[in-house]
Amino acid sequence: KVYIVDEVHMLSRQAFNALLKTLEEPPGHVKFVFATTEIRRVPVTVLSRCQRFDLRRVPAEMLEAHFAGVIAKEGAEIEPEALARIARAADGSVRDGLSMLDQALAEANGGRIAADAVNEMLGLADRLDIYDLFEALMRGEPAAALDRFDEMYRAGADPGLVLQDMAELVHRLTRAQVVPAEAEDAALPEAERVRGRKLAEALSLPALTRVWQLVLKAIQEVNAAPSAKPAFEMAMLRIAYAAGLPTPAEAIAQLRSGAPAPQSKAEPPPRSAPAPAPRVEPPPPPEEDAAGAPAGEPAPPAGEMPASEPPQPVELPDFEAVAALFEERREPRLYSYLVHDAHLVAFEQGHIALRLGERAPADFAVDVGERLTRWTGRPWKVSEADDGGGPTLAEQQEGVRRDLFERAKQHPLTQQTLEIFPEASIADIRPIQPGEALPEAPEEQDDER
């Protein structure tokens, strides 16, 4: 007997433990075949008792040839562009590609499968529309970019897939800058090769790198947003405004030369200037010598600004201080994850190791490290651990609270009070602040009153 278990990583820990005994001493007449796309989620104890075969993604050209053979056997017709779209959307998976091809055959109903029909079926945008949208963004024309996307959205394009196509385009243009032969890929249509070559020549590598980071951030925002279209449009506006900004090297050169920094092409019209603030006379400067420097101090070299003292790094003694810093800086989302979902594994100045709960987002460690580096003036690295770690800060606070309640219950005065009032219970415990007066007991009232 041959048992094929697909998506084996979805088995629970208890199921793997039950299966492990059979894998250790398998019967001679039984064979198990496990298939998974997430090998890291399979326990090591199971992997060590299996023969592993890594199946690589099938190239798009091979998928096109295979799907063309299937179409010929079915006696159907398909446009070459439609076949290429399905092969690219399959992302190296023969099974997924055949499922999409079968859906396209059903929708064609015996007719010729057109590229437009495949685009509508998969929620894809026309490749040239992606180029139009990208060029409008790189020109810093947000209105034109939004109009183009509205047309694509009405035609059935999915915002998330449009961003993925745009990321693929940025990646192809970047490779074409490093390896010029990439721009002449014969697998691409002639129109895409021509426009891609022009874009690769017009855009610099730092500009493409910046757009790549913005597109990746936009993909995360669109996937997390309750409505994809507004999130997509806000991301496109951000890219359009950043397109006209100088690269870091250009900004440094402009600062050194004293030239004014150019504004983004998508910069909105300036608002009316506010009323000037009342002038405050500065204190009289110290006496200067003939060189213009304060008396008793050497004058700085010509053309150089006096160096200011670098800010002193902020020391964070423990993980509680890290969480307190996020609360002080008004980062409620990250503060909540630090308190409720972060199990501390190791802590030292500049490095924190955490085991994160399921609620923590994928980029949590990166966000925490970046903010700590910016706030403290020293580099911080936050890494994730698969196991270990103590209780969360919330669990520690709850433990302290339970211990405080238990000690209050054991107090003789509390026990005496509960004996007099058996239905009473401790609702809350609040420490008395220094200098705070104790509440006065209510005066006893006469029974006759």
Protein backbone atom coordinates (compact mmCIF):
# COMPACT_ATOMS: atom_id res chain seq x y z
CA LYS A 1 0.00 0.00 0.00
CA VAL A 2 1.18 3.50 -0.84
CA TYR A 3 -0.08 6.41 1.25
CA ILE A 4 0.38 9.88 -0.28
CA VAL A 5 -0.04 12.72 2.23
CA ASP A 6 -0.18 16.11 0.50
CA GLU A 7 0.58 19.31 2.46
CA VAL A 8 2.00 17.19 5.25
CA HIS A 9 3.17 20.30 7.14
CA MET A 10 -0.49 20.93 8.05
CA LEU A 11 -0.52 17.93 10.41
CA SER A 12 -0.66 18.79 14.10
CA ARG A 13 2.12 17.95 16.55
CA GLN A 14 0.03 15.13 17.99
CA ALA A 15 -0.51 13.67 14.51
CA PHE A 16 3.22 13.74 13.78
CA ASN A 17 3.94 12.01 17.09
CA ALA A 18 1.41 9.30 16.30
CA LEU A 19 2.93 8.82 12.83
CA LEU A 20 6.49 8.73 14.11
CA LYS A 21 6.18 5.23 15.60
CA THR A 22 5.09 3.83 12.23
CA LEU A 23 7.93 5.63 10.45
CA GLU A 24 10.50 4.21 12.89
CA GLU A 25 9.39 0.62 12.22
CA PRO A 26 7.54 0.69 8.87
CA PRO A 27 5.85 -2.51 7.68
CA GLY A 28 7.41 -4.02 4.60
CA HIS A 29 4.23 -3.69 2.50
CA VAL A 30 3.62 0.03 3.22
CA LYS A 31 5.17 3.11 1.62
CA PHE A 32 4.58 6.74 2.64
CA VAL A 33 4.98 9.68 0.27
CA PHE A 34 4.92 13.10 1.95
CA ALA A 35 4.53 16.26 -0.13
CA THR A 36 5.00 19.76 1.25
CA THR A 37 5.86 23.29 0.15
CA GLU A 38 7.03 24.35 3.65
CA ILE A 39 9.73 21.90 4.65
CA ARG A 40 10.68 23.94 7.75
CA ARG A 41 7.34 23.17 9.39
CA VAL A 42 7.96 19.41 9.27
CA PRO A 43 9.57 18.16 12.52
CA VAL A 44 13.21 17.12 12.33
CA THR A 45 12.35 13.74 13.82
CA VAL A 46 10.17 13.02 10.78
CA LEU A 47 12.66 14.41 8.24
CA SER A 48 15.45 12.23 9.62
CA ARG A 49 13.42 9.09 8.83
CA CYS A 50 12.59 10.04 5.24
CA GLN A 51 14.37 10.25 1.93
CA ARG A 52 14.13 13.84 0.75
CA PHE A 53 13.68 14.91 -2.87
CA ASP A 54 13.59 18.66 -3.60
CA LEU A 55 11.47 19.40 -6.68
CA ARG A 56 12.40 22.70 -8.33
CA ARG A 57 10.05 25.07 -10.10
CA VAL A 58 9.37 24.27 -13.73
CA PRO A 59 10.58 27.05 -16.09
CA ALA A 60 7.88 29.10 -17.79
CA GLU A 61 9.09 28.01 -21.26
CA MET A 62 8.67 24.34 -20.34
CA LEU A 63 5.23 25.03 -18.88
CA GLU A 64 4.15 26.77 -22.10
CA ALA A 65 5.27 23.77 -24.18
CA HIS A 66 3.45 21.37 -21.86
CA PHE A 67 0.24 23.42 -21.83
CA ALA A 68 0.38 23.76 -25.62
CA GLY A 69 0.46 19.96 -25.85
CA VAL A 70 -2.56 19.71 -23.56
CA ILE A 71 -4.46 22.24 -25.69
CA ALA A 72 -3.63 20.28 -28.85
CA LYS A 73 -4.90 17.04 -27.31
CA GLU A 74 -8.09 18.78 -26.24
CA GLY A 75 -8.62 20.04 -29.79
CA ALA A 76 -8.85 23.67 -28.58
CA GLU A 77 -7.11 26.89 -29.62
CA ILE A 78 -5.34 29.49 -27.50
CA GLU A 79 -3.54 32.74 -28.22
CA PRO A 80 0.21 32.66 -27.54
CA GLU A 81 -0.06 35.62 -25.18
CA ALA A 82 -2.80 33.86 -23.21
CA LEU A 83 -0.64 30.75 -22.95
CA ALA A 84 2.30 32.84 -21.69
CA ARG A 85 0.07 34.54 -19.10
CA ILE A 86 -1.07 31.22 -17.66
CA ALA A 87 2.51 29.90 -17.59
CA ARG A 88 3.72 33.00 -15.72
CA ALA A 89 0.79 32.93 -13.28
CA ALA A 90 1.50 29.25 -12.51
CA ASP A 91 4.82 30.34 -10.92
CA GLY A 92 6.57 27.07 -11.72
CA SER A 93 3.73 24.79 -10.59
CA VAL A 94 2.37 22.37 -13.19
CA ARG A 95 -0.67 21.59 -11.05
CA ASP A 96 -1.67 25.22 -10.58
CA GLY A 97 -1.11 25.92 -14.27
CA LEU A 98 -3.31 23.01 -15.36
CA SER A 99 -6.06 24.17 -13.01
CA MET A 100 -6.00 27.65 -14.57
CA LEU A 101 -5.87 26.17 -18.07
CA ASP A 102 -8.86 23.96 -17.31
CA GLN A 103 -10.78 27.02 -16.07
CA ALA A 104 -9.89 28.93 -19.23
CA LEU A 105 -11.09 26.03 -21.41
CA ALA A 106 -14.39 25.93 -19.53
CA GLU A 107 -14.95 29.67 -19.93
CA ALA A 108 -14.03 29.61 -23.63
CA ASN A 109 -16.77 27.00 -24.16
CA GLY A 110 -15.12 25.45 -27.19
CA GLY A 111 -13.93 28.75 -28.67
CA ARG A 112 -10.45 30.27 -28.90
CA ILE A 113 -8.91 31.26 -25.57
CA ALA A 114 -8.02 34.95 -25.79
CA ALA A 115 -5.45 36.85 -23.73
CA ASP A 116 -8.08 39.35 -22.58
CA ALA A 117 -10.25 36.51 -21.27
CA VAL A 118 -7.29 35.10 -19.30
CA ASN A 119 -6.54 38.54 -17.86
CA GLU A 120 -10.14 38.91 -16.72
CA MET A 121 -10.21 35.38 -15.32
CA LEU A 122 -7.02 35.80 -13.29
CA GLY A 123 -7.54 39.46 -12.37
CA LEU A 124 -4.39 40.45 -14.25
CA ALA A 125 -3.69 43.75 -15.94
CA ASP A 126 -2.42 44.11 -19.48
CA ARG A 127 1.38 44.18 -19.49
CA LEU A 128 1.50 47.45 -21.41
CA ASP A 129 -0.90 48.99 -18.88
CA ILE A 130 1.67 48.20 -16.19
CA TYR A 131 4.27 50.08 -18.23
CA ASP A 132 1.89 53.07 -18.65
CA LEU A 133 1.21 53.16 -14.91
CA PHE A 134 4.88 52.84 -14.00
CA GLU A 135 5.96 55.56 -16.43
CA ALA A 136 3.33 57.97 -15.06
CA LEU A 137 4.61 57.33 -11.54
CA MET A 138 8.24 57.87 -12.56
CA ARG A 139 7.32 61.15 -14.24
CA GLY A 140 5.80 62.30 -10.94
CA GLU A 141 2.26 62.55 -12.36
CA PRO A 142 -0.08 61.13 -9.69
CA ALA A 143 -3.27 62.25 -11.48
CA ALA A 144 -2.33 60.39 -14.67
CA ALA A 145 -1.32 57.32 -12.65
CA LEU A 146 -4.63 57.26 -10.76
CA ASP A 147 -6.60 57.64 -14.00
CA ARG A 148 -4.71 54.73 -15.55
CA PHE A 149 -5.30 52.55 -12.51
CA ASP A 150 -9.03 53.41 -12.48
CA GLU A 151 -9.26 52.08 -16.04
CA MET A 152 -7.38 48.93 -15.07
CA TYR A 153 -9.55 48.44 -11.97
CA ARG A 154 -12.77 48.79 -13.96
CA ALA A 155 -11.41 46.17 -16.38
CA GLY A 156 -11.06 43.70 -13.49
CA ALA A 157 -7.42 44.14 -12.43
CA ASP A 158 -6.65 43.18 -8.84
CA PRO A 159 -4.60 45.79 -6.90
CA GLY A 160 -2.42 43.15 -5.29
CA LEU A 161 -1.59 41.50 -8.61
CA VAL A 162 -0.88 44.89 -10.19
CA LEU A 163 1.69 45.53 -7.47
CA GLN A 164 3.25 42.12 -8.04
CA ASP A 165 3.51 42.86 -11.77
CA MET A 166 5.07 46.23 -10.96
CA ALA A 167 7.60 44.59 -8.63
CA GLU A 168 8.46 42.13 -11.41
CA LEU A 169 8.93 45.07 -13.81
CA VAL A 170 11.23 46.93 -11.38
CA HIS A 171 13.25 43.74 -10.87
CA ARG A 172 13.59 43.22 -14.63
CA LEU A 173 14.69 46.84 -15.17
CA THR A 174 17.26 46.57 -12.37
CA ARG A 175 18.70 43.39 -13.85
CA ALA A 176 18.83 45.08 -17.25
CA GLN A 177 20.97 47.84 -15.70
CA VAL A 178 23.44 45.34 -14.28
CA VAL A 179 23.29 42.86 -17.19
CA PRO A 180 22.30 44.77 -20.37
CA ALA A 181 21.62 41.52 -22.24
CA GLU A 182 18.59 40.97 -19.98
CA ALA A 183 16.76 43.76 -21.84
CA GLU A 184 16.89 41.67 -25.05
CA ASP A 185 15.12 38.63 -23.59
CA ALA A 186 13.52 36.84 -26.52
CA ALA A 187 10.76 35.52 -24.25
CA LEU A 188 9.34 39.04 -23.94
CA PRO A 189 7.12 40.63 -26.62
CA GLU A 190 8.75 43.24 -28.83
CA ALA A 191 6.78 46.12 -27.27
CA GLU A 192 7.92 45.17 -23.76
CA ARG A 193 11.55 44.86 -24.88
CA VAL A 194 11.54 48.33 -26.46
CA ARG A 195 9.85 50.10 -23.55
CA GLY A 196 11.87 48.18 -20.99
CA ARG A 197 15.12 49.17 -22.72
CA LYS A 198 14.13 52.85 -22.66
CA LEU A 199 13.14 52.74 -18.99
CA ALA A 200 16.35 50.96 -17.99
CA GLU A 201 18.38 53.67 -19.73
CA ALA A 202 16.37 56.55 -18.25
CA LEU A 203 16.25 55.45 -14.59
CA SER A 204 19.23 55.19 -12.27
CA LEU A 205 19.97 52.18 -10.10
CA PRO A 206 19.39 54.10 -6.80
CA ALA A 207 15.98 55.27 -8.10
CA LEU A 208 14.97 51.72 -9.02
CA THR A 209 16.13 50.46 -5.62
CA ARG A 210 13.99 53.09 -3.86
CA VAL A 211 10.93 52.19 -5.97
CA TRP A 212 11.51 48.51 -5.21
CA GLN A 213 11.36 49.19 -1.46
CA LEU A 214 8.23 51.32 -1.85
CA VAL A 215 6.48 48.64 -3.93
CA LEU A 216 7.30 45.90 -1.40
CA LYS A 217 5.93 48.09 1.39
CA ALA A 218 2.81 48.74 -0.71
CA ILE A 219 2.23 44.99 -1.15
CA GLN A 220 2.21 44.54 2.63
CA GLU A 221 -0.16 47.48 3.13
CA VAL A 222 -2.61 46.31 0.45
CA ASN A 223 -2.69 42.78 1.89
CA ALA A 224 -3.34 44.11 5.40
CA ALA A 225 -5.81 46.87 4.49
CA PRO A 226 -9.58 46.29 4.85
CA SER A 227 -10.05 47.74 1.34
CA ALA A 228 -7.34 47.12 -1.25
CA LYS A 229 -8.11 49.97 -3.69
CA PRO A 230 -7.62 52.93 -1.29
CA ALA A 231 -4.44 51.36 0.08
CA PHE A 232 -3.14 50.90 -3.47
CA GLU A 233 -3.90 54.49 -4.41
CA MET A 234 -2.17 55.87 -1.30
CA ALA A 235 0.90 53.76 -2.11
CA MET A 236 0.92 55.05 -5.70
CA LEU A 237 0.79 58.65 -4.48
CA ARG A 238 3.77 57.96 -2.23
CA ILE A 239 5.76 56.53 -5.15
CA ALA A 240 4.85 59.44 -7.42
CA TYR A 241 5.97 62.04 -4.86
CA ALA A 242 9.22 60.15 -4.21
CA ALA A 243 10.04 59.85 -7.93
CA GLY A 244 11.26 63.45 -8.19
CA LEU A 245 13.35 63.41 -5.02
CA PRO A 246 17.15 63.24 -5.31
CA THR A 247 19.03 60.10 -4.44
CA PRO A 248 21.12 60.16 -1.22
CA ALA A 249 24.31 60.80 -3.22
CA GLU A 250 22.67 63.69 -5.11
CA ALA A 251 21.30 65.19 -1.88
CA ILE A 252 24.77 65.11 -0.26
CA ALA A 253 26.32 66.73 -3.34
CA GLN A 254 23.67 69.48 -3.29
CA LEU A 255 24.25 70.16 0.40
CA ARG A 256 27.98 70.43 -0.14
CA SER A 257 27.57 72.78 -3.09
CA GLY A 258 24.97 74.91 -1.31
CA ALA A 259 22.45 74.55 -4.16
CA PRO A 260 18.76 74.45 -3.17
CA ALA A 261 17.28 70.94 -3.16
CA PRO A 262 14.81 70.40 -6.03
CA GLN A 263 11.21 69.72 -5.08
CA SER A 264 9.31 66.68 -6.24
CA LYS A 265 7.48 67.08 -9.54
CA ALA A 266 4.33 65.95 -7.76
CA GLU A 267 4.72 68.56 -5.04
CA PRO A 268 1.34 70.15 -4.20
CA PRO A 269 0.96 73.95 -4.50
CA PRO A 270 2.36 75.80 -1.46
CA ARG A 271 -0.05 77.05 1.15
CA SER A 272 -0.30 80.69 2.07
CA ALA A 273 2.50 81.72 4.38
CA PRO A 274 1.51 82.17 8.05
CA ALA A 275 1.89 85.49 9.79
CA PRO A 276 5.49 86.11 10.90
CA ALA A 277 6.22 85.40 14.53
CA PRO A 278 7.33 88.30 16.73
CA ARG A 279 11.05 88.80 16.53
CA VAL A 280 13.07 87.92 19.60
CA GLU A 281 16.44 89.60 19.93
CA PRO A 282 19.21 87.02 20.52
CA PRO A 283 21.63 87.49 23.39
CA PRO A 284 24.79 89.44 22.54
CA PRO A 285 27.47 87.18 21.04
CA PRO A 286 30.75 86.64 22.85
CA GLU A 287 33.69 88.77 21.91
CA GLU A 288 35.34 87.60 18.72
CA ASP A 289 38.81 88.00 17.44
CA ALA A 290 39.74 89.28 14.00
CA ALA A 291 39.14 85.84 12.44
CA GLY A 292 35.52 85.79 13.61
CA ALA A 293 35.98 83.08 16.24
CA PRO A 294 35.25 83.55 19.95
CA ALA A 295 38.16 84.94 21.90
CA GLY A 296 40.50 82.25 23.14
CA GLU A 297 39.33 79.62 20.57
CA PRO A 298 40.90 78.87 17.17
CA ALA A 299 38.78 79.78 14.16
CA PRO A 300 37.43 76.86 12.10
CA PRO A 301 38.97 76.33 8.64
CA ALA A 302 37.40 78.33 5.83
CA GLY A 303 34.39 76.63 4.24
CA GLU A 304 33.80 74.28 7.19
CA MET A 305 31.06 74.41 9.79
CA PRO A 306 32.02 73.93 13.43
CA ALA A 307 31.42 70.32 14.41
CA SER A 308 28.69 69.73 16.95
CA GLU A 309 29.03 67.14 19.65
CA PRO A 310 27.36 63.85 18.69
CA PRO A 311 24.38 62.88 20.84
CA GLN A 312 25.13 60.46 23.63
CA PRO A 313 23.62 56.98 23.13
CA VAL A 314 20.67 56.15 25.36
CA GLU A 315 21.18 53.12 27.60
CA LEU A 316 18.28 50.70 28.06
CA PRO A 317 19.01 48.55 31.13
CA ASP A 318 16.42 45.85 30.51
CA PHE A 319 13.52 44.74 28.32
CA GLU A 320 11.01 46.56 30.54
CA ALA A 321 12.80 49.82 29.70
CA VAL A 322 12.47 48.99 25.99
CA ALA A 323 8.71 48.56 26.31
CA ALA A 324 8.47 51.74 28.39
CA LEU A 325 10.32 53.64 25.66
CA PHE A 326 7.75 52.53 23.05
CA GLU A 327 4.93 53.64 25.35
CA GLU A 328 6.65 56.99 25.88
CA ARG A 329 7.13 57.45 22.13
CA ARG A 330 3.42 56.77 21.52
CA GLU A 331 3.75 53.56 19.51
CA PRO A 332 0.65 51.75 20.84
CA ARG A 333 0.66 48.96 18.26
CA LEU A 334 4.28 47.91 18.76
CA TYR A 335 4.00 48.49 22.52
CA SER A 336 1.05 46.09 22.70
CA TYR A 337 2.98 43.38 20.84
CA LEU A 338 6.01 43.90 23.09
CA VAL A 339 3.90 43.48 26.23
CA HIS A 340 1.54 40.68 25.16
CA ASP A 341 3.32 38.68 22.40
CA ALA A 342 7.08 38.93 22.99
CA HIS A 343 8.84 36.25 25.07
CA LEU A 344 12.34 37.45 26.00
CA VAL A 345 15.08 34.92 25.15
CA ALA A 346 18.18 37.11 25.52
CA PHE A 347 18.90 40.79 26.19
CA GLU A 348 22.05 42.84 25.93
CA GLN A 349 22.87 46.36 24.79
CA GLY A 350 22.35 46.43 21.03
CA HIS A 351 20.70 43.00 20.68
CA ILE A 352 17.39 41.46 21.73
CA ALA A 353 16.28 37.88 20.99
CA LEU A 354 12.53 37.26 21.18
CA ARG A 355 10.14 34.40 20.63
CA LEU A 356 7.06 35.99 19.11
CA GLY A 357 3.46 34.90 19.39
CA GLU A 358 1.16 34.27 16.46
CA ARG A 359 -0.35 37.76 16.61
CA ALA A 360 2.94 39.55 15.97
CA PRO A 361 3.34 40.74 12.34
CA ALA A 362 6.12 39.44 10.11
CA ASP A 363 8.04 42.74 10.11
CA PHE A 364 7.74 43.29 13.89
CA ALA A 365 11.40 42.59 14.70
CA VAL A 366 12.63 44.87 11.90
CA ASP A 367 10.33 47.73 12.97
CA VAL A 368 11.41 47.48 16.61
CA GLY A 369 15.11 47.41 15.69
CA GLU A 370 14.81 50.42 13.38
CA ARG A 371 13.00 52.53 15.98
CA LEU A 372 15.40 51.61 18.77
CA THR A 373 18.36 52.54 16.56
CA ARG A 374 16.78 55.89 15.70
CA TRP A 375 15.72 56.73 19.26
CA THR A 376 18.80 55.61 21.20
CA GLY A 377 21.56 56.71 18.80
CA ARG A 378 23.16 53.27 18.67
CA PRO A 379 22.55 50.22 16.43
CA TRP A 380 20.08 47.64 17.69
CA LYS A 381 19.34 44.22 16.24
CA VAL A 382 16.15 42.33 17.14
CA SER A 383 16.18 38.65 16.17
CA GLU A 384 13.49 35.97 16.38
CA ALA A 385 13.92 32.63 18.14
CA ASP A 386 11.88 29.50 17.49
CA ASP A 387 11.73 28.37 21.13
CA GLY A 388 12.69 29.35 24.65
CA GLY A 389 11.99 32.61 26.37
CA GLY A 390 10.26 33.54 29.57
CA PRO A 391 6.73 34.82 30.13
CA THR A 392 5.60 38.02 28.45
CA LEU A 393 5.53 41.29 30.34
CA ALA A 394 1.76 41.03 30.58
CA GLU A 395 2.05 37.53 32.06
CA GLN A 396 4.66 38.77 34.55
CA GLN A 397 2.41 41.65 35.60
CA GLU A 398 -0.50 39.25 35.98
CA GLY A 399 1.68 36.96 38.11
CA VAL A 400 2.64 39.86 40.37
CA ARG A 401 -1.02 40.82 40.63
CA ARG A 402 -2.07 37.27 41.56
CA ASP A 403 0.70 37.08 44.18
CA LEU A 404 -0.44 40.42 45.62
CA PHE A 405 -4.04 39.20 45.82
CA GLU A 406 -2.92 35.98 47.50
CA ARG A 407 -0.89 37.87 50.09
CA ALA A 408 -3.82 40.18 50.74
CA LYS A 409 -6.12 37.22 51.29
CA GLN A 410 -3.71 35.75 53.84
CA HIS A 411 -3.55 38.96 55.83
CA PRO A 412 -5.27 38.53 59.24
CA LEU A 413 -7.30 41.72 58.85
CA THR A 414 -8.58 40.58 55.44
CA GLN A 415 -9.50 37.13 56.75
CA GLN A 416 -11.34 38.69 59.69
CA THR A 417 -13.25 40.97 57.32
CA LEU A 418 -14.22 38.07 55.04
CA GLU A 419 -15.48 36.09 58.03
CA ILE A 420 -17.77 38.96 58.98
CA PHE A 421 -18.87 39.48 55.36
CA PRO A 422 -18.72 36.00 53.78
CA GLU A 423 -20.14 37.16 50.44
CA ALA A 424 -17.53 39.89 50.02
CA SER A 425 -14.49 39.56 47.75
CA ILE A 426 -11.37 41.57 46.94
CA ALA A 427 -12.10 43.66 43.87
CA ASP A 428 -8.84 45.55 43.49
CA ILE A 429 -5.59 46.36 45.30
CA ARG A 430 -4.07 49.80 44.95
CA PRO A 431 -0.90 50.87 46.73
CA ILE A 432 -1.11 54.06 48.78
CA GLN A 433 1.04 56.80 47.38
CA PRO A 434 3.41 58.70 49.73
CA GLY A 435 1.56 61.55 51.46
CA GLU A 436 -1.88 60.18 50.49
CA ALA A 437 -4.38 60.25 53.36
CA LEU A 438 -6.29 57.10 54.21
CA PRO A 439 -10.04 57.23 53.62
CA GLU A 440 -12.00 57.79 56.78
CA ALA A 441 -14.39 55.12 57.93
CA PRO A 442 -18.05 56.11 57.70
CA GLU A 443 -19.66 57.12 60.97
CA GLU A 444 -21.87 54.52 62.63
CA GLN A 445 -25.51 55.35 62.23
CA ASP A 446 -28.09 54.90 64.93
CA ASP A 447 -30.31 51.88 64.29
CA GLU A 448 -33.37 54.02 65.03
CA ARG A 449 -32.36 56.40 62.24
